[in-house]
Amino acid sequence: MDTGIPTDEEEATAFLLKAGVLKSWTACPWCGKYNIGRIRRNKYRCRDCGREWGLRKGSILEGTRVSCRTFVNTVQLFADDVPVNDAARRLGTAYNTTYDTYARIRKAVLADDLPGDISMADGVSPGAKQTVVFGIRFANGRITIEPVESPDPDLITALPIPTMQRGNILFIDAYGKKYQGFITYAPYRKGQEFVRVRPAQGFTWSPLAGFWEFAGKSWMKHRGLDRKQFPVFLQELARRYNTRDTDQFQKILTLIAAYECPPACTGTGTGKTTATIPGP
């Protein structure tokens, strides 16, 4: 089977099974016994404990009503960095449904990328009045972004922020000892968020020039960001930049398949699964 987008639900289910996103169960997730069988389409039953479960158990799709075909198409749109509202329109689904699916995909994709002091639950309070600062460094062809803990007020005031700033998000070249640039988030202003790039004065070239261009195009396309999820979006932006020369769709499928859903997603159990990843 090739890796093209499936055209119907049956093909999409088979595609996700082969990709490892849906699990092929070999043992009961409750009692761990191997005496299980298929009783209905996409349904398993343990002959020892009598429990039943669906094909989606333990997967990113558990607890959702999104069809497999819609999910595969959503992954493709996420890989292409299509904004949620545009994705919902193309898919013919509700905005909230698409937003939730994007959030699930993002959680799986960034599971290994978030620094130890940032989690998917972390965010910036919408009512916060402080300036949020993240330091950026480019080394060995990769971008790393991390929060600047308790930034010195002198650092903020020394940055070349223009007096008249229309937006909340600002990219700034710094050429400091640790960081080559900063992304700052100014206090909330009427719900409007725009990307502004401000190189340090006197420099004609920045090692972050390629990243600034990439980030600016991405965020302007999204027409603003969810301020509360700003730290997570930064890590997603870094990952997209660092993997920009790879097949994003296949990479994301691989990360989703490898992602271990937390107990709230999968339930508790010892069921063993088997999976294979489609080739390029």
Protein backbone atom coordinates (compact mmCIF):
# COMPACT_ATOMS: atom_id res chain seq x y z
CA MET A 1 0.00 0.00 0.00
CA ASP A 2 1.41 3.42 -0.89
CA THR A 3 1.38 6.40 1.45
CA GLY A 4 -1.11 8.49 -0.50
CA ILE A 5 -4.11 9.97 1.28
CA PRO A 6 -6.84 7.30 1.60
CA THR A 7 -10.05 7.97 -0.28
CA ASP A 8 -12.51 6.16 2.01
CA GLU A 9 -12.93 5.04 5.62
CA GLU A 10 -11.83 1.45 5.07
CA GLU A 11 -8.63 2.52 3.34
CA ALA A 12 -7.97 5.12 6.06
CA THR A 13 -8.40 2.54 8.83
CA ALA A 14 -5.99 0.15 7.10
CA PHE A 15 -3.56 3.03 6.55
CA LEU A 16 -3.57 4.03 10.24
CA LEU A 17 -3.15 0.39 11.30
CA LYS A 18 -0.11 -0.01 9.09
CA ALA A 19 1.28 3.31 10.31
CA GLY A 20 0.94 2.14 13.91
CA VAL A 21 -1.44 4.97 14.84
CA LEU A 22 -4.19 2.40 15.45
CA LYS A 23 -3.03 -0.64 17.43
CA SER A 24 -3.24 -4.29 16.49
CA TRP A 25 -3.89 -5.87 19.87
CA THR A 26 -2.34 -9.22 20.79
CA ALA A 27 -3.23 -9.19 24.50
CA CYS A 28 -6.09 -7.95 26.66
CA PRO A 29 -5.45 -4.40 27.97
CA TRP A 30 -7.11 -5.32 31.29
CA CYS A 31 -6.00 -8.84 32.26
CA GLY A 32 -3.01 -9.21 29.97
CA LYS A 33 -4.12 -12.61 28.66
CA TYR A 34 -3.56 -13.46 25.03
CA ASN A 35 -6.90 -15.23 24.52
CA ILE A 36 -8.55 -12.44 22.53
CA GLY A 37 -10.52 -12.35 19.30
CA ARG A 38 -12.31 -10.05 16.89
CA ILE A 39 -16.06 -10.13 17.53
CA ARG A 40 -17.22 -7.34 15.25
CA ARG A 41 -15.66 -5.00 12.79
CA ASN A 42 -12.95 -3.01 14.61
CA LYS A 43 -13.93 -4.63 17.94
CA TYR A 44 -11.99 -6.99 20.23
CA ARG A 45 -13.12 -9.26 23.10
CA CYS A 46 -11.11 -11.10 25.75
CA ARG A 47 -12.31 -14.68 26.21
CA ASP A 48 -10.86 -14.80 29.75
CA CYS A 49 -12.15 -11.64 31.43
CA GLY A 50 -14.96 -10.89 28.96
CA ARG A 51 -13.97 -7.26 28.42
CA GLU A 52 -14.48 -5.63 25.02
CA TRP A 53 -12.71 -2.69 23.42
CA GLY A 54 -12.50 -0.90 20.10
CA LEU A 55 -9.73 -0.53 17.59
CA ARG A 56 -9.05 3.03 18.78
CA LYS A 57 -8.18 2.08 22.35
CA GLY A 58 -4.72 3.24 23.35
CA SER A 59 -4.43 5.46 20.30
CA ILE A 60 -4.57 9.20 19.72
CA LEU A 61 -8.13 8.66 18.43
CA GLU A 62 -9.48 7.08 21.61
CA GLY A 63 -12.52 8.96 22.87
CA THR A 64 -13.07 10.84 19.60
CA ARG A 65 -15.72 10.54 16.92
CA VAL A 66 -13.49 11.80 14.13
CA SER A 67 -13.49 9.36 11.23
CA CYS A 68 -10.19 7.76 10.27
CA ARG A 69 -10.34 9.39 6.85
CA THR A 70 -10.89 12.83 8.39
CA PHE A 71 -8.05 12.23 10.84
CA VAL A 72 -5.58 11.33 8.09
CA ASN A 73 -6.56 14.46 6.17
CA THR A 74 -6.22 16.52 9.35
CA VAL A 75 -2.68 15.20 9.86
CA GLN A 76 -1.84 16.24 6.31
CA LEU A 77 -3.20 19.76 6.89
CA PHE A 78 -1.33 20.02 10.20
CA ALA A 79 1.85 18.90 8.42
CA ASP A 80 1.29 21.64 5.82
CA ASP A 81 0.90 24.22 8.65
CA VAL A 82 -2.65 25.07 7.60
CA PRO A 83 -4.42 27.20 10.27
CA VAL A 84 -7.22 25.53 12.22
CA ASN A 85 -10.02 27.66 10.80
CA ASP A 86 -8.90 26.98 7.23
CA ALA A 87 -8.48 23.27 7.98
CA ALA A 88 -11.99 23.06 9.44
CA ARG A 89 -13.41 24.68 6.31
CA ARG A 90 -11.57 22.28 3.99
CA LEU A 91 -12.55 19.24 6.04
CA GLY A 92 -16.16 20.31 6.51
CA THR A 93 -15.87 19.82 10.28
CA ALA A 94 -16.62 22.06 13.24
CA TYR A 95 -13.85 24.43 14.34
CA ASN A 96 -13.77 22.96 17.86
CA THR A 97 -13.43 19.43 16.48
CA THR A 98 -10.51 20.41 14.27
CA TYR A 99 -8.91 22.42 17.09
CA ASP A 100 -9.09 19.40 19.40
CA THR A 101 -7.58 17.11 16.76
CA TYR A 102 -4.77 19.59 16.10
CA ALA A 103 -4.12 19.76 19.86
CA ARG A 104 -3.87 15.96 20.07
CA ILE A 105 -1.47 15.85 17.13
CA ARG A 106 0.62 18.68 18.59
CA LYS A 107 0.85 16.91 21.95
CA ALA A 108 2.22 13.78 20.31
CA VAL A 109 4.58 15.65 18.00
CA LEU A 110 6.10 17.80 20.77
CA ALA A 111 6.26 15.10 23.44
CA ASP A 112 10.06 14.89 23.23
CA ASP A 113 10.73 18.50 22.24
CA LEU A 114 9.42 20.49 25.18
CA PRO A 115 12.01 21.51 27.79
CA GLY A 116 11.56 20.05 31.23
CA ASP A 117 10.08 23.27 32.58
CA ILE A 118 7.45 23.55 29.83
CA SER A 119 4.49 21.21 29.46
CA MET A 120 1.46 21.19 27.20
CA ALA A 121 -0.59 22.50 30.14
CA ASP A 122 1.71 25.48 30.65
CA GLY A 123 0.82 28.78 29.12
CA VAL A 124 0.73 32.52 29.52
CA SER A 125 -2.23 33.86 31.44
CA PRO A 126 -4.40 36.02 29.14
CA GLY A 127 -4.55 38.67 31.86
CA ALA A 128 -0.83 38.73 32.56
CA LYS A 129 0.80 42.16 32.31
CA GLN A 130 4.42 41.07 32.13
CA THR A 131 6.59 40.78 29.04
CA VAL A 132 7.38 37.15 28.24
CA VAL A 133 10.87 36.48 26.91
CA PHE A 134 12.33 33.42 25.15
CA GLY A 135 15.95 33.15 24.09
CA ILE A 136 16.90 31.69 20.69
CA ARG A 137 20.15 30.17 19.49
CA PHE A 138 21.20 28.66 16.18
CA ALA A 139 23.89 25.99 16.37
CA ASN A 140 24.80 22.97 14.23
CA GLY A 141 21.99 23.80 11.84
CA ARG A 142 19.30 23.65 14.54
CA ILE A 143 17.24 26.22 16.38
CA THR A 144 16.73 25.92 20.13
CA ILE A 145 14.28 28.07 22.08
CA GLU A 146 14.02 28.27 25.85
CA PRO A 147 12.34 30.58 28.35
CA VAL A 148 14.48 33.26 29.95
CA GLU A 149 13.75 32.86 33.63
CA SER A 150 13.16 36.11 35.50
CA PRO A 151 14.77 38.28 32.85
CA ASP A 152 16.69 41.26 34.11
CA PRO A 153 14.63 44.42 33.50
CA ASP A 154 17.74 46.01 32.02
CA LEU A 155 17.79 43.26 29.37
CA ILE A 156 14.26 44.07 28.27
CA THR A 157 14.71 47.84 28.22
CA ALA A 158 17.97 47.47 26.29
CA LEU A 159 16.32 45.54 23.46
CA PRO A 160 15.66 47.65 20.35
CA ILE A 161 11.88 47.59 20.66
CA PRO A 162 10.29 50.40 18.63
CA THR A 163 8.33 52.99 20.58
CA MET A 164 5.20 52.45 18.52
CA GLN A 165 4.49 48.72 18.49
CA ARG A 166 1.19 47.51 17.06
CA GLY A 167 1.49 43.84 17.93
CA ASN A 168 2.25 41.57 20.84
CA ILE A 169 4.97 39.37 19.34
CA LEU A 170 8.43 40.70 18.55
CA PHE A 171 11.51 38.92 17.14
CA ILE A 172 14.75 40.62 18.15
CA ASP A 173 18.39 39.95 17.28
CA ALA A 174 20.57 40.29 20.34
CA TYR A 175 24.01 38.73 19.74
CA GLY A 176 24.39 38.16 23.45
CA LYS A 177 26.67 35.70 25.21
CA LYS A 178 24.04 32.96 25.40
CA TYR A 179 21.38 33.92 22.86
CA GLN A 180 21.55 35.27 19.34
CA GLY A 181 18.02 36.58 19.54
CA PHE A 182 14.85 36.85 21.58
CA ILE A 183 11.14 36.42 21.03
CA THR A 184 9.19 38.67 23.35
CA TYR A 185 5.49 38.78 24.07
CA ALA A 186 4.28 42.18 25.24
CA PRO A 187 1.21 42.69 27.49
CA TYR A 188 -2.14 41.85 25.93
CA ARG A 189 -3.42 44.54 23.55
CA LYS A 190 -6.99 44.38 22.27
CA GLY A 191 -6.65 40.76 21.20
CA GLN A 192 -4.50 41.66 18.18
CA GLU A 193 -1.27 39.74 17.66
CA PHE A 194 1.22 40.45 14.90
CA VAL A 195 4.75 39.30 14.18
CA ARG A 196 7.38 42.03 14.11
CA VAL A 197 11.02 41.35 13.22
CA ARG A 198 13.55 43.81 14.59
CA PRO A 199 17.25 43.09 13.91
CA ALA A 200 19.82 44.60 16.23
CA GLN A 201 20.96 47.93 14.86
CA GLY A 202 24.30 47.99 13.05
CA PHE A 203 24.21 44.37 11.87
CA THR A 204 23.71 43.61 8.20
CA TRP A 205 23.44 39.85 8.60
CA SER A 206 22.05 37.65 11.33
CA PRO A 207 22.62 33.92 11.90
CA LEU A 208 18.89 33.84 12.64
CA ALA A 209 17.88 35.48 9.35
CA GLY A 210 16.53 32.26 7.84
CA PHE A 211 14.60 31.43 11.01
CA TRP A 212 13.12 34.95 11.24
CA GLU A 213 11.84 34.67 7.67
CA PHE A 214 10.44 31.18 8.30
CA ALA A 215 8.76 32.20 11.57
CA GLY A 216 7.32 35.39 10.14
CA LYS A 217 5.68 33.61 7.20
CA SER A 218 4.26 30.90 9.47
CA TRP A 219 2.74 33.17 12.08
CA MET A 220 1.43 35.82 9.73
CA LYS A 221 -0.34 33.01 7.87
CA HIS A 222 -2.02 31.99 11.13
CA ARG A 223 -3.25 35.54 11.70
CA GLY A 224 -2.35 35.56 15.36
CA LEU A 225 -1.65 33.07 18.11
CA ASP A 226 -3.37 31.73 21.19
CA ARG A 227 -1.45 33.66 23.83
CA LYS A 228 -2.00 31.01 26.49
CA GLN A 229 -0.28 28.40 24.32
CA PHE A 230 2.55 30.71 23.25
CA PRO A 231 5.37 28.56 24.78
CA VAL A 232 4.10 25.44 23.02
CA PHE A 233 3.73 27.20 19.68
CA LEU A 234 7.36 28.33 19.97
CA GLN A 235 8.52 24.73 20.34
CA GLU A 236 6.36 23.69 17.40
CA LEU A 237 7.89 26.46 15.32
CA ALA A 238 11.42 25.31 16.21
CA ARG A 239 10.56 21.70 15.34
CA ARG A 240 9.07 22.72 11.98
CA TYR A 241 12.16 24.75 11.17
CA ASN A 242 14.59 22.01 12.22
CA THR A 243 12.75 19.40 10.12
CA ARG A 244 11.75 21.65 7.21
CA ASP A 245 13.64 19.52 4.68
CA THR A 246 11.90 16.27 5.64
CA ASP A 247 8.50 14.81 4.75
CA GLN A 248 6.41 16.35 7.52
CA PHE A 249 3.43 14.07 6.95
CA GLN A 250 5.45 10.86 7.37
CA LYS A 251 7.43 12.31 10.27
CA ILE A 252 4.26 13.27 12.13
CA LEU A 253 2.69 9.84 11.54
CA THR A 254 5.81 8.23 12.99
CA LEU A 255 5.74 10.47 16.07
CA ILE A 256 2.01 9.82 16.62
CA ALA A 257 2.55 6.06 16.34
CA ALA A 258 5.43 6.18 18.84
CA TYR A 259 3.58 8.43 21.28
CA GLU A 260 2.45 6.73 24.47
CA CYS A 261 -0.91 8.15 25.46
CA PRO A 262 -1.17 8.93 29.19
CA PRO A 263 -3.47 6.77 31.38
CA ALA A 264 -6.31 9.26 30.97
CA CYS A 265 -6.16 8.57 27.25
CA THR A 266 -5.51 4.85 27.22
CA GLY A 267 -6.81 3.54 30.51
CA THR A 268 -4.67 1.18 32.57
CA GLY A 269 -3.67 -2.20 31.32
CA THR A 270 -0.88 -4.42 30.09
CA GLY A 271 -2.06 -5.04 26.55
CA LYS A 272 0.69 -5.50 24.01
CA THR A 273 0.43 -4.05 20.54
CA THR A 274 2.16 -4.52 17.25
CA ALA A 275 2.69 -1.96 14.52
CA THR A 276 4.63 -1.21 11.37
CA ILE A 277 5.47 2.18 9.88
CA PRO A 278 4.89 2.83 6.19
CA GLY A 279 8.04 3.34 4.17
CA PRO A 280 8.79 6.51 2.24
